[in-house]
Amino acid sequence: MFPSAYKLRKNDFEALSQFRYQMRRFERFSERAAQAEGLTPQQYLVLLHIKGVPGRNWASVGEIAERLQLQPHGAVALVTRCEALGLVQRRRSETDRRQIEVHLLAEGERLLLRLAELHRAELRSLKGVFDVPQIDLPEIP
């Protein structure tokens, strides 16, 4: 909660509104791009987050759940659907037989690369438009 002495100004609300609008425009672009490739937006994000795990080429279901802000059982269902489409494969870890790794398959990699190019172009087009608003809050004593 903000200190009662601090009042948001009209331009603060305008900046927040503009930021949320641009963020939603990008999300909508992303949803449409995924759907044009025959994926749901969440299936695209599963592929992205598997590829985006730092230092390795696989993700655990728990990591996917965290990145998508889902309950683990929801992430399991999503991985199962991606697996049925031939986009990912679950493999038992060679170093810890209790752990299941989710790996991209060639088709998942192909779709991800195509969508990543589209997303990169869209982000470049938003340069200077998609700015994080600066709202300075006073120091709380």
N, C-alpha and C. Protein backbone atom coordinates (compact mmCIF):
# COMPACT_ATOMS: atom_id res chain seq x y z
N MET A 1 0.85 -1.18 0.00
CA MET A 1 0.00 0.00 0.00
C MET A 1 0.89 1.24 0.00
N PHE A 2 0.50 2.23 -0.76
CA PHE A 2 1.25 3.47 -0.83
C PHE A 2 1.00 4.30 0.40
N PRO A 3 1.99 5.07 0.83
CA PRO A 3 1.75 5.99 1.94
C PRO A 3 0.63 6.95 1.57
N SER A 4 -0.18 7.29 2.54
CA SER A 4 -1.34 8.14 2.26
C SER A 4 -0.93 9.50 1.70
N ALA A 5 0.30 9.93 1.98
CA ALA A 5 0.75 11.24 1.49
C ALA A 5 1.05 11.20 -0.01
N TYR A 6 1.26 10.00 -0.57
CA TYR A 6 1.61 9.90 -1.98
C TYR A 6 0.35 9.76 -2.82
N LYS A 7 0.26 10.56 -3.84
CA LYS A 7 -0.89 10.52 -4.74
C LYS A 7 -0.38 10.24 -6.15
N LEU A 8 -0.96 9.27 -6.80
CA LEU A 8 -0.63 9.04 -8.19
C LEU A 8 -1.20 10.19 -9.02
N ARG A 9 -0.40 10.61 -9.97
CA ARG A 9 -0.83 11.70 -10.84
C ARG A 9 -1.52 11.13 -12.08
N LYS A 10 -2.24 11.95 -12.77
CA LYS A 10 -2.93 11.56 -13.99
C LYS A 10 -1.95 10.94 -14.99
N ASN A 11 -0.79 11.56 -15.16
CA ASN A 11 0.18 11.02 -16.13
C ASN A 11 0.74 9.66 -15.69
N ASP A 12 0.72 9.37 -14.38
CA ASP A 12 1.12 8.04 -13.92
C ASP A 12 0.14 6.99 -14.43
N PHE A 13 -1.15 7.31 -14.31
CA PHE A 13 -2.17 6.38 -14.81
C PHE A 13 -2.10 6.24 -16.32
N GLU A 14 -1.83 7.33 -17.01
CA GLU A 14 -1.69 7.27 -18.46
C GLU A 14 -0.53 6.37 -18.86
N ALA A 15 0.58 6.49 -18.14
CA ALA A 15 1.76 5.67 -18.44
C ALA A 15 1.47 4.19 -18.16
N LEU A 16 0.82 3.90 -17.05
CA LEU A 16 0.48 2.52 -16.74
C LEU A 16 -0.50 1.95 -17.76
N SER A 17 -1.49 2.75 -18.13
CA SER A 17 -2.46 2.32 -19.12
C SER A 17 -1.79 2.02 -20.46
N GLN A 18 -0.91 2.90 -20.89
CA GLN A 18 -0.21 2.72 -22.16
C GLN A 18 0.66 1.46 -22.12
N PHE A 19 1.36 1.25 -21.01
CA PHE A 19 2.20 0.07 -20.86
C PHE A 19 1.36 -1.21 -20.95
N ARG A 20 0.24 -1.26 -20.21
CA ARG A 20 -0.61 -2.44 -20.23
C ARG A 20 -1.20 -2.67 -21.63
N TYR A 21 -1.54 -1.59 -22.31
CA TYR A 21 -2.07 -1.68 -23.66
C TYR A 21 -1.03 -2.29 -24.60
N GLN A 22 0.18 -1.78 -24.56
CA GLN A 22 1.24 -2.30 -25.43
C GLN A 22 1.57 -3.75 -25.09
N MET A 23 1.57 -4.09 -23.80
CA MET A 23 1.83 -5.45 -23.39
C MET A 23 0.74 -6.38 -23.92
N ARG A 24 -0.51 -5.96 -23.82
CA ARG A 24 -1.62 -6.78 -24.31
C ARG A 24 -1.58 -6.91 -25.83
N ARG A 25 -1.20 -5.83 -26.53
CA ARG A 25 -1.07 -5.92 -27.98
C ARG A 25 -0.03 -6.97 -28.37
N PHE A 26 1.10 -6.98 -27.63
CA PHE A 26 2.12 -7.97 -27.93
C PHE A 26 1.61 -9.38 -27.62
N GLU A 27 0.93 -9.54 -26.51
CA GLU A 27 0.37 -10.85 -26.16
C GLU A 27 -0.60 -11.33 -27.24
N ARG A 28 -1.46 -10.42 -27.71
CA ARG A 28 -2.42 -10.78 -28.74
C ARG A 28 -1.71 -11.17 -30.04
N PHE A 29 -0.67 -10.42 -30.40
CA PHE A 29 0.14 -10.78 -31.56
C PHE A 29 0.67 -12.21 -31.39
N SER A 30 1.21 -12.49 -30.21
CA SER A 30 1.81 -13.79 -29.93
C SER A 30 0.76 -14.90 -30.02
N GLU A 31 -0.42 -14.66 -29.47
CA GLU A 31 -1.50 -15.64 -29.53
C GLU A 31 -1.87 -15.96 -30.98
N ARG A 32 -2.03 -14.92 -31.78
CA ARG A 32 -2.40 -15.12 -33.19
C ARG A 32 -1.30 -15.83 -33.98
N ALA A 33 -0.06 -15.48 -33.72
CA ALA A 33 1.06 -16.13 -34.41
C ALA A 33 1.09 -17.62 -34.09
N ALA A 34 0.92 -17.97 -32.82
CA ALA A 34 0.92 -19.38 -32.42
C ALA A 34 -0.25 -20.11 -33.09
N GLN A 35 -1.42 -19.51 -33.06
CA GLN A 35 -2.60 -20.14 -33.65
C GLN A 35 -2.44 -20.33 -35.16
N ALA A 36 -1.78 -19.40 -35.82
CA ALA A 36 -1.54 -19.53 -37.26
C ALA A 36 -0.65 -20.73 -37.58
N GLU A 37 0.15 -21.14 -36.61
CA GLU A 37 1.03 -22.31 -36.78
C GLU A 37 0.38 -23.59 -36.25
N GLY A 38 -0.89 -23.49 -35.82
CA GLY A 38 -1.60 -24.67 -35.33
C GLY A 38 -1.35 -25.00 -33.87
N LEU A 39 -0.80 -24.03 -33.14
CA LEU A 39 -0.53 -24.22 -31.71
C LEU A 39 -1.44 -23.33 -30.87
N THR A 40 -1.66 -23.75 -29.65
CA THR A 40 -2.29 -22.83 -28.70
C THR A 40 -1.19 -21.91 -28.17
N PRO A 41 -1.55 -20.75 -27.65
CA PRO A 41 -0.52 -19.88 -27.08
C PRO A 41 0.30 -20.56 -25.99
N GLN A 42 -0.35 -21.38 -25.17
CA GLN A 42 0.40 -22.05 -24.11
C GLN A 42 1.33 -23.14 -24.65
N GLN A 43 0.94 -23.79 -25.73
CA GLN A 43 1.85 -24.77 -26.33
C GLN A 43 3.10 -24.08 -26.86
N TYR A 44 2.93 -22.92 -27.47
CA TYR A 44 4.09 -22.15 -27.92
C TYR A 44 4.99 -21.82 -26.73
N LEU A 45 4.39 -21.40 -25.62
CA LEU A 45 5.19 -21.03 -24.45
C LEU A 45 5.91 -22.23 -23.85
N VAL A 46 5.32 -23.41 -23.92
CA VAL A 46 6.03 -24.61 -23.46
C VAL A 46 7.30 -24.79 -24.28
N LEU A 47 7.19 -24.68 -25.59
CA LEU A 47 8.37 -24.83 -26.45
C LEU A 47 9.41 -23.77 -26.14
N LEU A 48 8.96 -22.53 -26.01
CA LEU A 48 9.87 -21.44 -25.71
C LEU A 48 10.60 -21.65 -24.39
N HIS A 49 9.88 -22.04 -23.37
CA HIS A 49 10.51 -22.19 -22.06
C HIS A 49 11.43 -23.41 -21.99
N ILE A 50 11.14 -24.45 -22.74
CA ILE A 50 12.08 -25.58 -22.79
C ILE A 50 13.39 -25.10 -23.41
N LYS A 51 13.29 -24.41 -24.53
CA LYS A 51 14.49 -23.92 -25.22
C LYS A 51 15.21 -22.84 -24.40
N GLY A 52 14.45 -22.11 -23.60
CA GLY A 52 15.01 -20.98 -22.86
C GLY A 52 15.61 -21.30 -21.51
N VAL A 53 15.61 -22.56 -21.10
CA VAL A 53 16.23 -22.91 -19.81
C VAL A 53 17.73 -22.68 -19.93
N PRO A 54 18.29 -21.88 -19.03
CA PRO A 54 19.73 -21.60 -19.11
C PRO A 54 20.59 -22.85 -18.92
N GLY A 55 21.55 -23.02 -19.80
CA GLY A 55 22.58 -24.05 -19.62
C GLY A 55 22.23 -25.46 -20.02
N ARG A 56 21.00 -25.70 -20.51
CA ARG A 56 20.67 -27.05 -20.96
C ARG A 56 19.54 -27.01 -21.97
N ASN A 57 19.29 -28.15 -22.60
CA ASN A 57 18.31 -28.22 -23.68
C ASN A 57 17.03 -28.94 -23.28
N TRP A 58 16.69 -28.94 -22.04
CA TRP A 58 15.47 -29.58 -21.57
C TRP A 58 14.95 -28.82 -20.35
N ALA A 59 13.70 -29.11 -20.00
CA ALA A 59 13.11 -28.50 -18.80
C ALA A 59 12.35 -29.59 -18.04
N SER A 60 12.22 -29.37 -16.75
CA SER A 60 11.37 -30.26 -15.96
C SER A 60 9.94 -29.74 -16.04
N VAL A 61 9.00 -30.58 -15.72
CA VAL A 61 7.60 -30.15 -15.70
C VAL A 61 7.43 -29.04 -14.66
N GLY A 62 8.13 -29.14 -13.56
CA GLY A 62 8.05 -28.11 -12.52
C GLY A 62 8.53 -26.76 -13.02
N GLU A 63 9.61 -26.77 -13.81
CA GLU A 63 10.09 -25.50 -14.38
C GLU A 63 9.09 -24.93 -15.37
N ILE A 64 8.49 -25.79 -16.17
CA ILE A 64 7.48 -25.33 -17.12
C ILE A 64 6.29 -24.75 -16.36
N ALA A 65 5.87 -25.43 -15.31
CA ALA A 65 4.75 -24.94 -14.49
C ALA A 65 5.07 -23.56 -13.91
N GLU A 66 6.27 -23.39 -13.41
CA GLU A 66 6.67 -22.10 -12.83
C GLU A 66 6.68 -21.00 -13.89
N ARG A 67 7.28 -21.28 -15.04
CA ARG A 67 7.35 -20.27 -16.09
C ARG A 67 5.98 -19.86 -16.60
N LEU A 68 5.04 -20.81 -16.64
CA LEU A 68 3.69 -20.53 -17.12
C LEU A 68 2.74 -20.14 -15.99
N GLN A 69 3.26 -20.19 -14.75
CA GLN A 69 2.45 -19.89 -13.58
C GLN A 69 1.22 -20.79 -13.52
N LEU A 70 1.46 -22.09 -13.70
CA LEU A 70 0.43 -23.12 -13.65
C LEU A 70 0.68 -24.04 -12.46
N GLN A 71 -0.36 -24.75 -12.07
CA GLN A 71 -0.19 -25.84 -11.12
C GLN A 71 0.53 -26.97 -11.85
N PRO A 72 1.33 -27.78 -11.15
CA PRO A 72 2.07 -28.85 -11.84
C PRO A 72 1.18 -29.77 -12.67
N HIS A 73 -0.01 -30.12 -12.19
CA HIS A 73 -0.87 -31.02 -12.97
C HIS A 73 -1.32 -30.36 -14.28
N GLY A 74 -1.47 -29.04 -14.28
CA GLY A 74 -1.81 -28.33 -15.52
C GLY A 74 -0.66 -28.38 -16.51
N ALA A 75 0.56 -28.26 -16.01
CA ALA A 75 1.74 -28.34 -16.87
C ALA A 75 1.90 -29.75 -17.43
N VAL A 76 1.60 -30.77 -16.62
CA VAL A 76 1.67 -32.15 -17.09
C VAL A 76 0.70 -32.35 -18.26
N ALA A 77 -0.52 -31.84 -18.11
CA ALA A 77 -1.53 -31.98 -19.17
C ALA A 77 -1.07 -31.26 -20.45
N LEU A 78 -0.48 -30.09 -20.29
CA LEU A 78 0.00 -29.33 -21.44
C LEU A 78 1.16 -30.05 -22.13
N VAL A 79 2.09 -30.58 -21.37
CA VAL A 79 3.20 -31.35 -21.94
C VAL A 79 2.67 -32.59 -22.66
N THR A 80 1.67 -33.24 -22.07
CA THR A 80 1.07 -34.42 -22.70
C THR A 80 0.48 -34.07 -24.06
N ARG A 81 -0.21 -32.92 -24.16
CA ARG A 81 -0.77 -32.50 -25.44
C ARG A 81 0.34 -32.19 -26.45
N CYS A 82 1.41 -31.54 -26.00
CA CYS A 82 2.54 -31.25 -26.90
C CYS A 82 3.21 -32.54 -27.35
N GLU A 83 3.28 -33.49 -26.46
CA GLU A 83 3.89 -34.79 -26.79
C GLU A 83 3.03 -35.50 -27.85
N ALA A 84 1.72 -35.43 -27.72
CA ALA A 84 0.81 -36.07 -28.68
C ALA A 84 0.94 -35.45 -30.07
N LEU A 85 1.33 -34.17 -30.12
CA LEU A 85 1.52 -33.48 -31.40
C LEU A 85 2.91 -33.73 -31.99
N GLY A 86 3.75 -34.46 -31.27
CA GLY A 86 5.10 -34.74 -31.76
C GLY A 86 6.06 -33.57 -31.62
N LEU A 87 5.77 -32.68 -30.65
CA LEU A 87 6.61 -31.49 -30.46
C LEU A 87 7.66 -31.68 -29.38
N VAL A 88 7.35 -32.49 -28.38
CA VAL A 88 8.26 -32.71 -27.26
C VAL A 88 8.27 -34.19 -26.90
N GLN A 89 9.27 -34.56 -26.11
CA GLN A 89 9.37 -35.93 -25.63
C GLN A 89 9.85 -35.90 -24.18
N ARG A 90 9.22 -36.71 -23.36
CA ARG A 90 9.68 -36.88 -21.98
C ARG A 90 10.72 -37.99 -21.94
N ARG A 91 11.78 -37.74 -21.19
CA ARG A 91 12.84 -38.74 -21.03
C ARG A 91 13.25 -38.79 -19.58
N ARG A 92 13.54 -39.98 -19.11
CA ARG A 92 14.05 -40.14 -17.75
C ARG A 92 15.50 -39.64 -17.72
N SER A 93 15.83 -38.87 -16.73
CA SER A 93 17.18 -38.34 -16.59
C SER A 93 18.20 -39.47 -16.45
N GLU A 94 19.31 -39.32 -17.12
CA GLU A 94 20.38 -40.31 -17.00
C GLU A 94 21.15 -40.15 -15.69
N THR A 95 21.13 -38.94 -15.12
CA THR A 95 21.87 -38.69 -13.88
C THR A 95 21.02 -38.89 -12.63
N ASP A 96 19.71 -38.68 -12.75
CA ASP A 96 18.80 -38.86 -11.62
C ASP A 96 17.55 -39.55 -12.16
N ARG A 97 17.49 -40.86 -12.02
CA ARG A 97 16.42 -41.65 -12.63
C ARG A 97 15.03 -41.26 -12.12
N ARG A 98 14.95 -40.47 -11.05
CA ARG A 98 13.65 -40.02 -10.55
C ARG A 98 13.12 -38.83 -11.34
N GLN A 99 14.00 -38.13 -12.02
CA GLN A 99 13.62 -36.90 -12.73
C GLN A 99 13.25 -37.18 -14.18
N ILE A 100 12.19 -36.51 -14.63
CA ILE A 100 11.76 -36.58 -16.02
C ILE A 100 12.13 -35.27 -16.71
N GLU A 101 12.81 -35.38 -17.84
CA GLU A 101 13.20 -34.22 -18.64
C GLU A 101 12.25 -34.10 -19.83
N VAL A 102 11.89 -32.87 -20.16
CA VAL A 102 11.05 -32.62 -21.33
C VAL A 102 11.95 -31.98 -22.39
N HIS A 103 12.09 -32.67 -23.53
CA HIS A 103 12.97 -32.24 -24.61
C HIS A 103 12.15 -31.83 -25.84
N LEU A 104 12.66 -30.85 -26.58
CA LEU A 104 12.06 -30.49 -27.87
C LEU A 104 12.41 -31.55 -28.90
N LEU A 105 11.44 -31.88 -29.74
CA LEU A 105 11.69 -32.73 -30.90
C LEU A 105 11.87 -31.83 -32.12
N ALA A 106 12.26 -32.41 -33.24
CA ALA A 106 12.56 -31.62 -34.44
C ALA A 106 11.38 -30.74 -34.86
N GLU A 107 10.17 -31.27 -34.83
CA GLU A 107 9.00 -30.47 -35.23
C GLU A 107 8.76 -29.31 -34.26
N GLY A 108 8.95 -29.55 -32.97
CA GLY A 108 8.81 -28.47 -31.98
C GLY A 108 9.87 -27.40 -32.20
N GLU A 109 11.06 -27.83 -32.48
CA GLU A 109 12.17 -26.89 -32.75
C GLU A 109 11.86 -26.05 -33.99
N ARG A 110 11.36 -26.68 -35.05
CA ARG A 110 11.03 -25.98 -36.30
C ARG A 110 9.96 -24.92 -36.06
N LEU A 111 8.89 -25.29 -35.38
CA LEU A 111 7.83 -24.32 -35.08
C LEU A 111 8.34 -23.18 -34.20
N LEU A 112 9.12 -23.53 -33.20
CA LEU A 112 9.64 -22.53 -32.28
C LEU A 112 10.52 -21.52 -33.01
N LEU A 113 11.39 -21.99 -33.89
CA LEU A 113 12.27 -21.09 -34.62
C LEU A 113 11.48 -20.12 -35.50
N ARG A 114 10.46 -20.64 -36.18
CA ARG A 114 9.64 -19.79 -37.03
C ARG A 114 8.91 -18.74 -36.18
N LEU A 115 8.34 -19.15 -35.06
CA LEU A 115 7.62 -18.21 -34.20
C LEU A 115 8.57 -17.22 -33.53
N ALA A 116 9.77 -17.67 -33.20
CA ALA A 116 10.74 -16.76 -32.57
C ALA A 116 11.12 -15.63 -33.54
N GLU A 117 11.27 -15.96 -34.81
CA GLU A 117 11.58 -14.92 -35.80
C GLU A 117 10.45 -13.90 -35.89
N LEU A 118 9.21 -14.36 -35.90
CA LEU A 118 8.07 -13.45 -35.94
C LEU A 118 8.02 -12.57 -34.69
N HIS A 119 8.27 -13.16 -33.54
CA HIS A 119 8.24 -12.40 -32.29
C HIS A 119 9.36 -11.37 -32.24
N ARG A 120 10.53 -11.75 -32.73
CA ARG A 120 11.65 -10.81 -32.73
C ARG A 120 11.33 -9.61 -33.62
N ALA A 121 10.74 -9.86 -34.77
CA ALA A 121 10.37 -8.76 -35.67
C ALA A 121 9.32 -7.86 -35.02
N GLU A 122 8.36 -8.46 -34.35
CA GLU A 122 7.32 -7.66 -33.68
C GLU A 122 7.92 -6.82 -32.55
N LEU A 123 8.81 -7.40 -31.77
CA LEU A 123 9.46 -6.64 -30.69
C LEU A 123 10.27 -5.48 -31.25
N ARG A 124 10.96 -5.71 -32.35
CA ARG A 124 11.72 -4.61 -32.98
C ARG A 124 10.78 -3.50 -33.42
N SER A 125 9.60 -3.84 -33.91
CA SER A 125 8.64 -2.82 -34.35
C SER A 125 8.10 -2.02 -33.18
N LEU A 126 8.19 -2.56 -31.99
CA LEU A 126 7.69 -1.87 -30.79
C LEU A 126 8.77 -1.04 -30.09
N LYS A 127 9.97 -1.05 -30.63
CA LYS A 127 11.06 -0.30 -30.00
C LYS A 127 10.66 1.17 -29.85
N GLY A 128 10.79 1.67 -28.65
CA GLY A 128 10.41 3.05 -28.37
C GLY A 128 8.94 3.23 -28.02
N VAL A 129 8.15 2.19 -28.26
CA VAL A 129 6.72 2.26 -27.93
C VAL A 129 6.45 1.48 -26.65
N PHE A 130 7.11 0.35 -26.52
CA PHE A 130 6.90 -0.54 -25.38
C PHE A 130 7.92 -0.20 -24.30
N ASP A 131 7.62 0.83 -23.55
CA ASP A 131 8.52 1.28 -22.49
C ASP A 131 7.91 1.01 -21.12
N VAL A 132 8.75 0.63 -20.20
CA VAL A 132 8.30 0.46 -18.82
C VAL A 132 8.06 1.84 -18.23
N PRO A 133 6.85 2.07 -17.69
CA PRO A 133 6.56 3.40 -17.16
C PRO A 133 7.41 3.70 -15.93
N GLN A 134 7.78 4.95 -15.80
CA GLN A 134 8.56 5.39 -14.65
C GLN A 134 7.62 6.09 -13.69
N ILE A 135 7.33 5.44 -12.60
CA ILE A 135 6.51 6.03 -11.55
C ILE A 135 7.36 6.05 -10.30
N ASP A 136 7.79 7.21 -9.91
CA ASP A 136 8.66 7.34 -8.76
C ASP A 136 7.84 7.42 -7.48
N LEU A 137 8.08 6.46 -6.62
CA LEU A 137 7.42 6.46 -5.32
C LEU A 137 8.35 7.06 -4.30
N PRO A 138 7.82 7.78 -3.35
CA PRO A 138 8.69 8.36 -2.32
C PRO A 138 9.25 7.24 -1.42
N GLU A 139 10.39 7.52 -0.86
CA GLU A 139 10.98 6.59 0.09
C GLU A 139 10.08 6.48 1.32
N ILE A 140 9.89 5.26 1.80
CA ILE A 140 9.10 5.07 3.00
C ILE A 140 10.05 5.08 4.19
N PRO A 141 9.82 5.99 5.11
CA PRO A 141 10.73 6.08 6.26
C PRO A 141 10.65 4.89 7.17
